[in-house]
All heavy atoms as atom14 arrays in JSON, in Angstrom:
{
  "sequence": "DFTNFGPLGYNGGFIGTGIYMSTDGNTFNQLEDTKPVMNSDTAAWAFI",
  "atom14_mask": [
    [1, 1, 1, 1, 1, 1, 1, 1, 0, 0, 0, 0, 0, 0],
    [1, 1, 1, 1, 1, 1, 1, 1, 1, 1, 1, 0, 0, 0],
    [1, 1, 1, 1, 1, 1, 1, 0, 0, 0, 0, 0, 0, 0],
    [1, 1, 1, 1, 1, 1, 1, 1, 0, 0, 0, 0, 0, 0],
    [1, 1, 1, 1, 1, 1, 1, 1, 1, 1, 1, 0, 0, 0],
    [1, 1, 1, 1, 0, 0, 0, 0, 0, 0, 0, 0, 0, 0],
    [1, 1, 1, 1, 1, 1, 1, 0, 0, 0, 0, 0, 0, 0],
    [1, 1, 1, 1, 1, 1, 1, 1, 0, 0, 0, 0, 0, 0],
    [1, 1, 1, 1, 0, 0, 0, 0, 0, 0, 0, 0, 0, 0],
    [1, 1, 1, 1, 1, 1, 1, 1, 1, 1, 1, 1, 0, 0],
    [1, 1, 1, 1, 1, 1, 1, 1, 0, 0, 0, 0, 0, 0],
    [1, 1, 1, 1, 0, 0, 0, 0, 0, 0, 0, 0, 0, 0],
    [1, 1, 1, 1, 0, 0, 0, 0, 0, 0, 0, 0, 0, 0],
    [1, 1, 1, 1, 1, 1, 1, 1, 1, 1, 1, 0, 0, 0],
    [1, 1, 1, 1, 1, 1, 1, 1, 0, 0, 0, 0, 0, 0],
    [1, 1, 1, 1, 0, 0, 0, 0, 0, 0, 0, 0, 0, 0],
    [1, 1, 1, 1, 1, 1, 1, 0, 0, 0, 0, 0, 0, 0],
    [1, 1, 1, 1, 0, 0, 0, 0, 0, 0, 0, 0, 0, 0],
    [1, 1, 1, 1, 1, 1, 1, 1, 0, 0, 0, 0, 0, 0],
    [1, 1, 1, 1, 1, 1, 1, 1, 1, 1, 1, 1, 0, 0],
    [1, 1, 1, 1, 1, 1, 1, 1, 0, 0, 0, 0, 0, 0],
    [1, 1, 1, 1, 1, 1, 0, 0, 0, 0, 0, 0, 0, 0],
    [1, 1, 1, 1, 1, 1, 1, 0, 0, 0, 0, 0, 0, 0],
    [1, 1, 1, 1, 1, 1, 1, 1, 0, 0, 0, 0, 0, 0],
    [1, 1, 1, 1, 0, 0, 0, 0, 0, 0, 0, 0, 0, 0],
    [1, 1, 1, 1, 1, 1, 1, 1, 0, 0, 0, 0, 0, 0],
    [1, 1, 1, 1, 1, 1, 1, 0, 0, 0, 0, 0, 0, 0],
    [1, 1, 1, 1, 1, 1, 1, 1, 1, 1, 1, 0, 0, 0],
    [1, 1, 1, 1, 1, 1, 1, 1, 0, 0, 0, 0, 0, 0],
    [1, 1, 1, 1, 1, 1, 1, 1, 1, 0, 0, 0, 0, 0],
    [1, 1, 1, 1, 1, 1, 1, 1, 0, 0, 0, 0, 0, 0],
    [1, 1, 1, 1, 1, 1, 1, 1, 1, 0, 0, 0, 0, 0],
    [1, 1, 1, 1, 1, 1, 1, 1, 0, 0, 0, 0, 0, 0],
    [1, 1, 1, 1, 1, 1, 1, 0, 0, 0, 0, 0, 0, 0],
    [1, 1, 1, 1, 1, 1, 1, 1, 1, 0, 0, 0, 0, 0],
    [1, 1, 1, 1, 1, 1, 1, 0, 0, 0, 0, 0, 0, 0],
    [1, 1, 1, 1, 1, 1, 1, 0, 0, 0, 0, 0, 0, 0],
    [1, 1, 1, 1, 1, 1, 1, 1, 0, 0, 0, 0, 0, 0],
    [1, 1, 1, 1, 1, 1, 1, 1, 0, 0, 0, 0, 0, 0],
    [1, 1, 1, 1, 1, 1, 0, 0, 0, 0, 0, 0, 0, 0],
    [1, 1, 1, 1, 1, 1, 1, 1, 0, 0, 0, 0, 0, 0],
    [1, 1, 1, 1, 1, 1, 1, 0, 0, 0, 0, 0, 0, 0],
    [1, 1, 1, 1, 1, 0, 0, 0, 0, 0, 0, 0, 0, 0],
    [1, 1, 1, 1, 1, 0, 0, 0, 0, 0, 0, 0, 0, 0],
    [1, 1, 1, 1, 1, 1, 1, 1, 1, 1, 1, 1, 1, 1],
    [1, 1, 1, 1, 1, 0, 0, 0, 0, 0, 0, 0, 0, 0],
    [1, 1, 1, 1, 1, 1, 1, 1, 1, 1, 1, 0, 0, 0],
    [1, 1, 1, 1, 1, 1, 1, 1, 0, 0, 0, 0, 0, 0]
  ],
  "atom14_positions": [
    [[0.81, -1.21, 0.01], [0.01, -0.01, -0.01], [0.83, 1.27, -0.01], [0.36, 2.34, -0.32], [-0.96, 0.02, 1.22], [-2.08, -1.0, 1.08], [-2.48, -1.21, -0.06], [-2.49, -1.56, 2.08], [0.0, 0.0, 0.0], [0.0, 0.0, 0.0], [0.0, 0.0, 0.0], [0.0, 0.0, 0.0], [0.0, 0.0, 0.0], [0.0, 0.0, 0.0]],
    [[2.13, 1.18, 0.42], [2.91, 2.38, 0.45], [4.34, 2.17, -0.07], [5.24, 2.9, 0.26], [2.99, 3.0, 1.9], [3.6, 2.03, 2.89], [4.92, 2.16, 3.21], [2.82, 1.15, 3.54], [5.5, 1.31, 4.15], [3.33, 0.29, 4.53], [4.7, 0.4, 4.81], [0.0, 0.0, 0.0], [0.0, 0.0, 0.0], [0.0, 0.0, 0.0]],
    [[4.51, 1.13, -0.9], [5.8, 0.9, -1.53], [5.57, 0.74, -3.01], [4.44, 0.86, -3.52], [6.46, -0.38, -0.99], [5.71, -1.5, -1.4], [6.56, -0.38, 0.53], [0.0, 0.0, 0.0], [0.0, 0.0, 0.0], [0.0, 0.0, 0.0], [0.0, 0.0, 0.0], [0.0, 0.0, 0.0], [0.0, 0.0, 0.0], [0.0, 0.0, 0.0]],
    [[6.62, 0.42, -3.77], [6.5, 0.23, -5.19], [6.2, -1.17, -5.6], [6.16, -1.53, -6.81], [7.82, 0.68, -5.89], [8.05, 2.17, -5.74], [7.09, 2.94, -5.83], [9.31, 2.57, -5.58], [0.0, 0.0, 0.0], [0.0, 0.0, 0.0], [0.0, 0.0, 0.0], [0.0, 0.0, 0.0], [0.0, 0.0, 0.0], [0.0, 0.0, 0.0]],
    [[5.95, -2.07, -4.61], [5.73, -3.47, -4.92], [4.32, -3.75, -5.4], [4.09, -4.72, -6.1], [6.04, -4.35, -3.68], [7.5, -4.42, -3.38], [8.0, -3.74, -2.3], [8.36, -5.14, -4.17], [9.36, -3.77, -1.98], [9.7, -5.19, -3.89], [10.23, -4.51, -2.79], [0.0, 0.0, 0.0], [0.0, 0.0, 0.0], [0.0, 0.0, 0.0]],
    [[3.36, -2.91, -5.0], [1.98, -3.12, -5.42], [1.78, -3.19, -6.94], [1.2, -4.15, -7.5], [0.0, 0.0, 0.0], [0.0, 0.0, 0.0], [0.0, 0.0, 0.0], [0.0, 0.0, 0.0], [0.0, 0.0, 0.0], [0.0, 0.0, 0.0], [0.0, 0.0, 0.0], [0.0, 0.0, 0.0], [0.0, 0.0, 0.0], [0.0, 0.0, 0.0]],
    [[2.31, -2.18, -7.72], [2.13, -2.25, -9.15], [2.82, -3.4, -9.81], [2.52, -3.78, -10.94], [2.8, -0.9, -9.61], [2.69, -0.02, -8.42], [2.87, -0.91, -7.24], [0.0, 0.0, 0.0], [0.0, 0.0, 0.0], [0.0, 0.0, 0.0], [0.0, 0.0, 0.0], [0.0, 0.0, 0.0], [0.0, 0.0, 0.0], [0.0, 0.0, 0.0]],
    [[3.78, -4.03, -9.11], [4.48, -5.21, -9.67], [3.71, -6.51, -9.41], [4.17, -7.59, -9.83], [5.89, -5.32, -9.04], [6.82, -4.15, -9.31], [8.13, -4.34, -8.6], [7.06, -3.96, -10.83], [0.0, 0.0, 0.0], [0.0, 0.0, 0.0], [0.0, 0.0, 0.0], [0.0, 0.0, 0.0], [0.0, 0.0, 0.0], [0.0, 0.0, 0.0]],
    [[2.6, -6.44, -8.73], [1.8, -7.62, -8.5], [2.05, -8.35, -7.19], [1.5, -9.4, -6.93], [0.0, 0.0, 0.0], [0.0, 0.0, 0.0], [0.0, 0.0, 0.0], [0.0, 0.0, 0.0], [0.0, 0.0, 0.0], [0.0, 0.0, 0.0], [0.0, 0.0, 0.0], [0.0, 0.0, 0.0], [0.0, 0.0, 0.0], [0.0, 0.0, 0.0]],
    [[2.92, -7.78, -6.34], [3.23, -8.44, -5.07], [2.26, -8.01, -3.99], [1.83, -6.87, -3.93], [4.67, -8.11, -4.63], [5.72, -8.79, -5.47], [6.25, -8.18, -6.61], [6.16, -10.07, -5.16], [7.23, -8.81, -7.39], [7.12, -10.69, -5.92], [7.64, -10.07, -7.04], [8.58, -10.71, -7.79], [0.0, 0.0, 0.0], [0.0, 0.0, 0.0]],
    [[1.99, -8.94, -3.07], [1.06, -8.67, -1.98], [1.77, -9.06, -0.72], [2.15, -10.21, -0.54], [-0.23, -9.48, -2.16], [-1.29, -9.1, -1.14], [-0.99, -8.81, 0.0], [-2.54, -9.09, -1.57], [0.0, 0.0, 0.0], [0.0, 0.0, 0.0], [0.0, 0.0, 0.0], [0.0, 0.0, 0.0], [0.0, 0.0, 0.0], [0.0, 0.0, 0.0]],
    [[1.97, -8.09, 0.23], [2.64, -8.4, 1.47], [1.74, -9.05, 2.5], [2.22, -9.47, 3.52], [0.0, 0.0, 0.0], [0.0, 0.0, 0.0], [0.0, 0.0, 0.0], [0.0, 0.0, 0.0], [0.0, 0.0, 0.0], [0.0, 0.0, 0.0], [0.0, 0.0, 0.0], [0.0, 0.0, 0.0], [0.0, 0.0, 0.0], [0.0, 0.0, 0.0]],
    [[0.47, -9.1, 2.26], [-0.47, -9.69, 3.24], [-0.82, -11.13, 2.9], [-0.55, -11.59, 1.8], [0.0, 0.0, 0.0], [0.0, 0.0, 0.0], [0.0, 0.0, 0.0], [0.0, 0.0, 0.0], [0.0, 0.0, 0.0], [0.0, 0.0, 0.0], [0.0, 0.0, 0.0], [0.0, 0.0, 0.0], [0.0, 0.0, 0.0], [0.0, 0.0, 0.0]],
    [[-1.41, -11.82, 3.84], [-1.78, -13.22, 3.65], [-3.19, -13.43, 4.19], [-3.53, -12.91, 5.24], [-0.8, -14.15, 4.34], [0.58, -14.18, 3.74], [1.54, -13.25, 4.12], [0.85, -15.08, 2.74], [2.78, -13.29, 3.51], [2.11, -15.11, 2.14], [3.07, -14.19, 2.52], [0.0, 0.0, 0.0], [0.0, 0.0, 0.0], [0.0, 0.0, 0.0]],
    [[-3.97, -14.2, 3.47], [-5.31, -14.48, 3.93], [-5.3, -15.29, 5.21], [-4.36, -16.02, 5.47], [-6.13, -15.22, 2.84], [-5.53, -16.59, 2.54], [-6.27, -14.39, 1.61], [-6.36, -17.36, 1.52], [0.0, 0.0, 0.0], [0.0, 0.0, 0.0], [0.0, 0.0, 0.0], [0.0, 0.0, 0.0], [0.0, 0.0, 0.0], [0.0, 0.0, 0.0]],
    [[-6.35, -15.12, 6.02], [-6.42, -15.77, 7.3], [-7.19, -17.08, 7.27], [-7.6, -17.55, 6.15], [0.0, 0.0, 0.0], [0.0, 0.0, 0.0], [0.0, 0.0, 0.0], [0.0, 0.0, 0.0], [0.0, 0.0, 0.0], [0.0, 0.0, 0.0], [0.0, 0.0, 0.0], [0.0, 0.0, 0.0], [0.0, 0.0, 0.0], [0.0, 0.0, 0.0]],
    [[-7.45, -17.61, 8.41], [-8.21, -18.85, 8.52], [-9.42, -18.68, 9.49], [-9.85, -19.63, 10.08], [-7.3, -20.02, 9.03], [-6.61, -19.54, 10.22], [-6.29, -20.38, 7.97], [0.0, 0.0, 0.0], [0.0, 0.0, 0.0], [0.0, 0.0, 0.0], [0.0, 0.0, 0.0], [0.0, 0.0, 0.0], [0.0, 0.0, 0.0], [0.0, 0.0, 0.0]],
    [[-9.89, -17.44, 9.59], [-11.09, -17.19, 10.4], [-10.78, -16.64, 11.76], [-9.71, -16.1, 12.04], [0.0, 0.0, 0.0], [0.0, 0.0, 0.0], [0.0, 0.0, 0.0], [0.0, 0.0, 0.0], [0.0, 0.0, 0.0], [0.0, 0.0, 0.0], [0.0, 0.0, 0.0], [0.0, 0.0, 0.0], [0.0, 0.0, 0.0], [0.0, 0.0, 0.0]],
    [[-11.77, -16.82, 12.66], [-11.66, -16.34, 14.06], [-11.44, -17.54, 14.96], [-12.05, -18.6, 14.78], [-12.94, -15.59, 14.47], [-13.12, -14.32, 13.6], [-12.87, -15.2, 15.94], [-14.37, -13.59, 13.89], [0.0, 0.0, 0.0], [0.0, 0.0, 0.0], [0.0, 0.0, 0.0], [0.0, 0.0, 0.0], [0.0, 0.0, 0.0], [0.0, 0.0, 0.0]],
    [[-10.55, -17.34, 15.95], [-10.28, -18.37, 16.94], [-10.73, -17.9, 18.3], [-10.61, -16.68, 18.63], [-8.76, -18.68, 16.96], [-8.27, -19.36, 15.71], [-8.13, -18.67, 14.53], [-8.03, -20.73, 15.71], [-7.7, -19.29, 13.38], [-7.62, -21.37, 14.54], [-7.44, -20.63, 13.39], [-7.04, -21.25, 12.22], [0.0, 0.0, 0.0], [0.0, 0.0, 0.0]],
    [[-11.21, -18.81, 19.09], [-11.76, -18.46, 20.42], [-11.11, -19.31, 21.49], [-10.78, -20.46, 21.32], [-13.29, -18.73, 20.42], [-13.92, -18.55, 21.8], [-15.68, -19.01, 21.72], [-16.12, -18.86, 23.46], [0.0, 0.0, 0.0], [0.0, 0.0, 0.0], [0.0, 0.0, 0.0], [0.0, 0.0, 0.0], [0.0, 0.0, 0.0], [0.0, 0.0, 0.0]],
    [[-10.9, -18.64, 22.68], [-10.33, -19.34, 23.83], [-11.18, -19.02, 25.05], [-11.56, -17.88, 25.29], [-8.89, -18.88, 24.09], [-8.4, -19.44, 25.28], [0.0, 0.0, 0.0], [0.0, 0.0, 0.0], [0.0, 0.0, 0.0], [0.0, 0.0, 0.0], [0.0, 0.0, 0.0], [0.0, 0.0, 0.0], [0.0, 0.0, 0.0], [0.0, 0.0, 0.0]],
    [[-11.49, -20.06, 25.81], [-12.22, -19.89, 27.05], [-11.29, -19.84, 28.28], [-11.74, -19.4, 29.34], [-13.26, -21.0, 27.25], [-12.55, -22.26, 27.28], [-14.28, -21.01, 26.12], [0.0, 0.0, 0.0], [0.0, 0.0, 0.0], [0.0, 0.0, 0.0], [0.0, 0.0, 0.0], [0.0, 0.0, 0.0], [0.0, 0.0, 0.0], [0.0, 0.0, 0.0]],
    [[-10.02, -20.25, 28.1], [-9.11, -20.29, 29.21], [-7.87, -19.39, 29.04], [-7.01, -19.35, 29.9], [-8.64, -21.71, 29.49], [-7.92, -22.33, 28.29], [-7.71, -21.65, 27.28], [-7.61, -23.54, 28.35], [0.0, 0.0, 0.0], [0.0, 0.0, 0.0], [0.0, 0.0, 0.0], [0.0, 0.0, 0.0], [0.0, 0.0, 0.0], [0.0, 0.0, 0.0]],
    [[-7.81, -18.68, 27.88], [-6.66, -17.82, 27.65], [-5.42, -18.55, 27.25], [-4.33, -17.94, 27.13], [0.0, 0.0, 0.0], [0.0, 0.0, 0.0], [0.0, 0.0, 0.0], [0.0, 0.0, 0.0], [0.0, 0.0, 0.0], [0.0, 0.0, 0.0], [0.0, 0.0, 0.0], [0.0, 0.0, 0.0], [0.0, 0.0, 0.0], [0.0, 0.0, 0.0]],
    [[-5.5, -19.86, 26.94], [-4.32, -20.64, 26.55], [-4.57, -21.48, 25.31], [-3.67, -21.62, 24.48], [-3.88, -21.55, 27.7], [-3.42, -20.79, 28.91], [-2.41, -20.08, 28.81], [-4.1, -20.9, 30.03], [0.0, 0.0, 0.0], [0.0, 0.0, 0.0], [0.0, 0.0, 0.0], [0.0, 0.0, 0.0], [0.0, 0.0, 0.0], [0.0, 0.0, 0.0]],
    [[-5.76, -22.06, 25.15], [-6.09, -22.89, 24.01], [-7.11, -22.23, 23.14], [-8.16, -21.79, 23.59], [-6.66, -24.24, 24.53], [-5.73, -24.83, 25.46], [-6.89, -25.18, 23.36], [0.0, 0.0, 0.0], [0.0, 0.0, 0.0], [0.0, 0.0, 0.0], [0.0, 0.0, 0.0], [0.0, 0.0, 0.0], [0.0, 0.0, 0.0], [0.0, 0.0, 0.0]],
    [[-6.75, -22.14, 21.84], [-7.65, -21.48, 20.89], [-8.16, -22.45, 19.85], [-7.41, -23.26, 19.31], [-6.86, -20.34, 20.2], [-6.69, -19.13, 21.05], [-5.64, -19.1, 22.02], [-7.46, -18.01, 20.92], [-5.45, -18.01, 22.85], [-7.28, -16.88, 21.73], [-6.28, -16.92, 22.69], [0.0, 0.0, 0.0], [0.0, 0.0, 0.0], [0.0, 0.0, 0.0]],
    [[-9.47, -22.36, 19.61], [-10.11, -23.2, 18.61], [-10.81, -22.36, 17.56], [-11.39, -21.28, 17.86], [-11.11, -24.13, 19.3], [-10.46, -25.07, 20.29], [-9.56, -25.81, 19.93], [-10.93, -25.05, 21.5], [0.0, 0.0, 0.0], [0.0, 0.0, 0.0], [0.0, 0.0, 0.0], [0.0, 0.0, 0.0], [0.0, 0.0, 0.0], [0.0, 0.0, 0.0]],
    [[-10.77, -22.84, 16.32], [-11.33, -22.12, 15.22], [-12.84, -22.15, 15.27], [-13.47, -23.19, 15.54], [-10.82, -22.75, 13.91], [-11.2, -21.99, 12.65], [-10.68, -22.69, 11.43], [-10.71, -23.92, 11.34], [-10.18, -21.94, 10.45], [0.0, 0.0, 0.0], [0.0, 0.0, 0.0], [0.0, 0.0, 0.0], [0.0, 0.0, 0.0], [0.0, 0.0, 0.0]],
    [[-13.49, -20.96, 15.04], [-14.94, -20.87, 14.94], [-15.36, -21.32, 13.55], [-14.99, -20.74, 12.53], [-15.42, -19.47, 15.24], [-15.16, -18.95, 16.66], [-15.64, -17.51, 16.77], [-15.8, -19.82, 17.7], [0.0, 0.0, 0.0], [0.0, 0.0, 0.0], [0.0, 0.0, 0.0], [0.0, 0.0, 0.0], [0.0, 0.0, 0.0], [0.0, 0.0, 0.0]],
    [[-16.14, -22.39, 13.51], [-16.43, -23.05, 12.25], [-17.11, -22.12, 11.22], [-16.81, -22.15, 10.03], [-17.37, -24.24, 12.5], [-17.64, -25.14, 11.31], [-16.38, -25.9, 10.86], [-15.54, -26.17, 11.75], [-16.24, -26.21, 9.65], [0.0, 0.0, 0.0], [0.0, 0.0, 0.0], [0.0, 0.0, 0.0], [0.0, 0.0, 0.0], [0.0, 0.0, 0.0]],
    [[-17.99, -21.2, 11.69], [-18.73, -20.35, 10.79], [-17.87, -19.28, 10.19], [-18.35, -18.52, 9.32], [-19.91, -19.74, 11.54], [-21.07, -19.38, 10.57], [-21.33, -20.17, 9.67], [-21.64, -18.28, 10.76], [0.0, 0.0, 0.0], [0.0, 0.0, 0.0], [0.0, 0.0, 0.0], [0.0, 0.0, 0.0], [0.0, 0.0, 0.0], [0.0, 0.0, 0.0]],
    [[-16.59, -19.14, 10.59], [-15.73, -18.06, 10.09], [-14.67, -18.6, 9.17], [-13.74, -17.81, 8.78], [-15.1, -17.3, 11.23], [-14.16, -18.13, 11.95], [-16.13, -16.79, 12.2], [0.0, 0.0, 0.0], [0.0, 0.0, 0.0], [0.0, 0.0, 0.0], [0.0, 0.0, 0.0], [0.0, 0.0, 0.0], [0.0, 0.0, 0.0], [0.0, 0.0, 0.0]],
    [[-14.68, -19.85, 8.84], [-13.64, -20.39, 7.92], [-13.81, -19.8, 6.52], [-14.91, -19.96, 5.95], [-13.75, -21.92, 7.89], [-13.25, -22.61, 9.13], [-13.3, -24.13, 8.91], [-12.81, -24.86, 10.15], [-12.83, -26.35, 9.96], [0.0, 0.0, 0.0], [0.0, 0.0, 0.0], [0.0, 0.0, 0.0], [0.0, 0.0, 0.0], [0.0, 0.0, 0.0]],
    [[-12.8, -19.2, 5.97], [-12.9, -18.7, 4.61], [-12.66, -19.8, 3.58], [-12.1, -20.84, 3.89], [-11.78, -17.63, 4.52], [-10.74, -18.16, 5.45], [-11.49, -18.86, 6.58], [0.0, 0.0, 0.0], [0.0, 0.0, 0.0], [0.0, 0.0, 0.0], [0.0, 0.0, 0.0], [0.0, 0.0, 0.0], [0.0, 0.0, 0.0], [0.0, 0.0, 0.0]],
    [[-13.13, -19.55, 2.38], [-12.8, -20.45, 1.27], [-11.3, -20.3, 0.97], [-10.81, -19.2, 0.72], [-13.62, -20.1, 0.0], [-13.2, -20.97, -1.17], [-15.11, -20.26, 0.29], [0.0, 0.0, 0.0], [0.0, 0.0, 0.0], [0.0, 0.0, 0.0], [0.0, 0.0, 0.0], [0.0, 0.0, 0.0], [0.0, 0.0, 0.0], [0.0, 0.0, 0.0]],
    [[-10.57, -21.4, 1.02], [-9.12, -21.34, 0.82], [-8.76, -20.96, -0.61], [-9.55, -21.13, -1.54], [-8.49, -22.68, 1.17], [-8.73, -23.1, 2.61], [-8.17, -21.87, 3.83], [-6.41, -22.01, 3.6], [0.0, 0.0, 0.0], [0.0, 0.0, 0.0], [0.0, 0.0, 0.0], [0.0, 0.0, 0.0], [0.0, 0.0, 0.0], [0.0, 0.0, 0.0]],
    [[-7.54, -20.4, -0.78], [-7.05, -20.0, -2.06], [-7.78, -18.81, -2.65], [-7.68, -18.58, -3.87], [-7.02, -21.15, -3.08], [-6.21, -22.33, -2.59], [-5.21, -22.18, -1.9], [-6.68, -23.52, -2.89], [0.0, 0.0, 0.0], [0.0, 0.0, 0.0], [0.0, 0.0, 0.0], [0.0, 0.0, 0.0], [0.0, 0.0, 0.0], [0.0, 0.0, 0.0]],
    [[-8.55, -18.06, -1.9], [-9.31, -16.93, -2.46], [-9.13, -15.74, -1.53], [-9.55, -15.77, -0.38], [-10.79, -17.27, -2.6], [-11.5, -16.14, -2.99], [0.0, 0.0, 0.0], [0.0, 0.0, 0.0], [0.0, 0.0, 0.0], [0.0, 0.0, 0.0], [0.0, 0.0, 0.0], [0.0, 0.0, 0.0], [0.0, 0.0, 0.0], [0.0, 0.0, 0.0]],
    [[-8.54, -14.65, -2.07], [-8.38, -13.46, -1.3], [-9.6, -12.58, -1.37], [-9.63, -11.46, -0.8], [-7.12, -12.65, -1.73], [-7.19, -12.26, -3.17], [-7.98, -12.85, -3.93], [-6.42, -11.32, -3.57], [0.0, 0.0, 0.0], [0.0, 0.0, 0.0], [0.0, 0.0, 0.0], [0.0, 0.0, 0.0], [0.0, 0.0, 0.0], [0.0, 0.0, 0.0]],
    [[-10.64, -13.02, -2.07], [-11.88, -12.27, -2.15], [-13.0, -12.94, -1.41], [-14.15, -12.46, -1.41], [-12.3, -12.06, -3.62], [-12.48, -13.33, -4.25], [-11.2, -11.29, -4.39], [0.0, 0.0, 0.0], [0.0, 0.0, 0.0], [0.0, 0.0, 0.0], [0.0, 0.0, 0.0], [0.0, 0.0, 0.0], [0.0, 0.0, 0.0], [0.0, 0.0, 0.0]],
    [[-12.74, -14.08, -0.81], [-13.81, -14.82, -0.09], [-14.12, -14.14, 1.24], [-13.32, -13.41, 1.82], [-13.32, -16.25, 0.19], [0.0, 0.0, 0.0], [0.0, 0.0, 0.0], [0.0, 0.0, 0.0], [0.0, 0.0, 0.0], [0.0, 0.0, 0.0], [0.0, 0.0, 0.0], [0.0, 0.0, 0.0], [0.0, 0.0, 0.0], [0.0, 0.0, 0.0]],
    [[-15.36, -14.35, 1.69], [-15.75, -13.85, 3.02], [-14.83, -14.46, 4.08], [-14.45, -15.6, 3.99], [-17.2, -14.22, 3.29], [0.0, 0.0, 0.0], [0.0, 0.0, 0.0], [0.0, 0.0, 0.0], [0.0, 0.0, 0.0], [0.0, 0.0, 0.0], [0.0, 0.0, 0.0], [0.0, 0.0, 0.0], [0.0, 0.0, 0.0], [0.0, 0.0, 0.0]],
    [[-14.5, -13.64, 5.06], [-13.63, -14.01, 6.2], [-12.17, -14.17, 5.83], [-11.35, -14.64, 6.63], [-14.13, -15.26, 6.89], [-15.5, -15.18, 7.44], [-16.62, -15.79, 6.95], [-15.95, -14.48, 8.6], [-17.69, -15.5, 7.75], [-17.32, -14.67, 8.76], [-15.28, -13.67, 9.54], [-18.07, -14.11, 9.79], [-16.01, -13.09, 10.57], [-17.37, -13.35, 10.71]],
    [[-11.79, -13.83, 4.6], [-10.37, -13.93, 4.23], [-9.52, -12.99, 5.04], [-8.39, -13.34, 5.4], [-10.2, -13.64, 2.73], [0.0, 0.0, 0.0], [0.0, 0.0, 0.0], [0.0, 0.0, 0.0], [0.0, 0.0, 0.0], [0.0, 0.0, 0.0], [0.0, 0.0, 0.0], [0.0, 0.0, 0.0], [0.0, 0.0, 0.0], [0.0, 0.0, 0.0]],
    [[-10.06, -11.8, 5.35], [-9.33, -10.84, 6.17], [-10.26, -10.28, 7.25], [-11.31, -9.72, 6.95], [-8.85, -9.67, 5.28], [-7.91, -10.11, 4.17], [-8.37, -10.16, 2.87], [-6.59, -10.41, 4.44], [-7.53, -10.56, 1.86], [-5.71, -10.79, 3.44], [-6.18, -10.89, 2.13], [0.0, 0.0, 0.0], [0.0, 0.0, 0.0], [0.0, 0.0, 0.0]],
    [[-9.87, -10.49, 8.5], [-10.62, -9.96, 9.63], [-9.79, -8.83, 10.21], [-8.69, -9.05, 10.78], [-10.9, -11.05, 10.69], [-11.71, -12.17, 10.02], [-11.66, -10.46, 11.87], [-11.67, -13.51, 10.8], [0.0, 0.0, 0.0], [0.0, 0.0, 0.0], [0.0, 0.0, 0.0], [0.0, 0.0, 0.0], [0.0, 0.0, 0.0], [0.0, 0.0, 0.0]]
  ]
}
């Protein structure tokens, strides 16, 4: 967004894997309803 790499087709960001929740502050589990479609940077939940 603020370098010359954007016009060259490079993307410094990476899509995520949804939202993770912890009830004890130590173990985190993925919330099933927030899983994005893999390999797609335009899918819902790709970026939170």
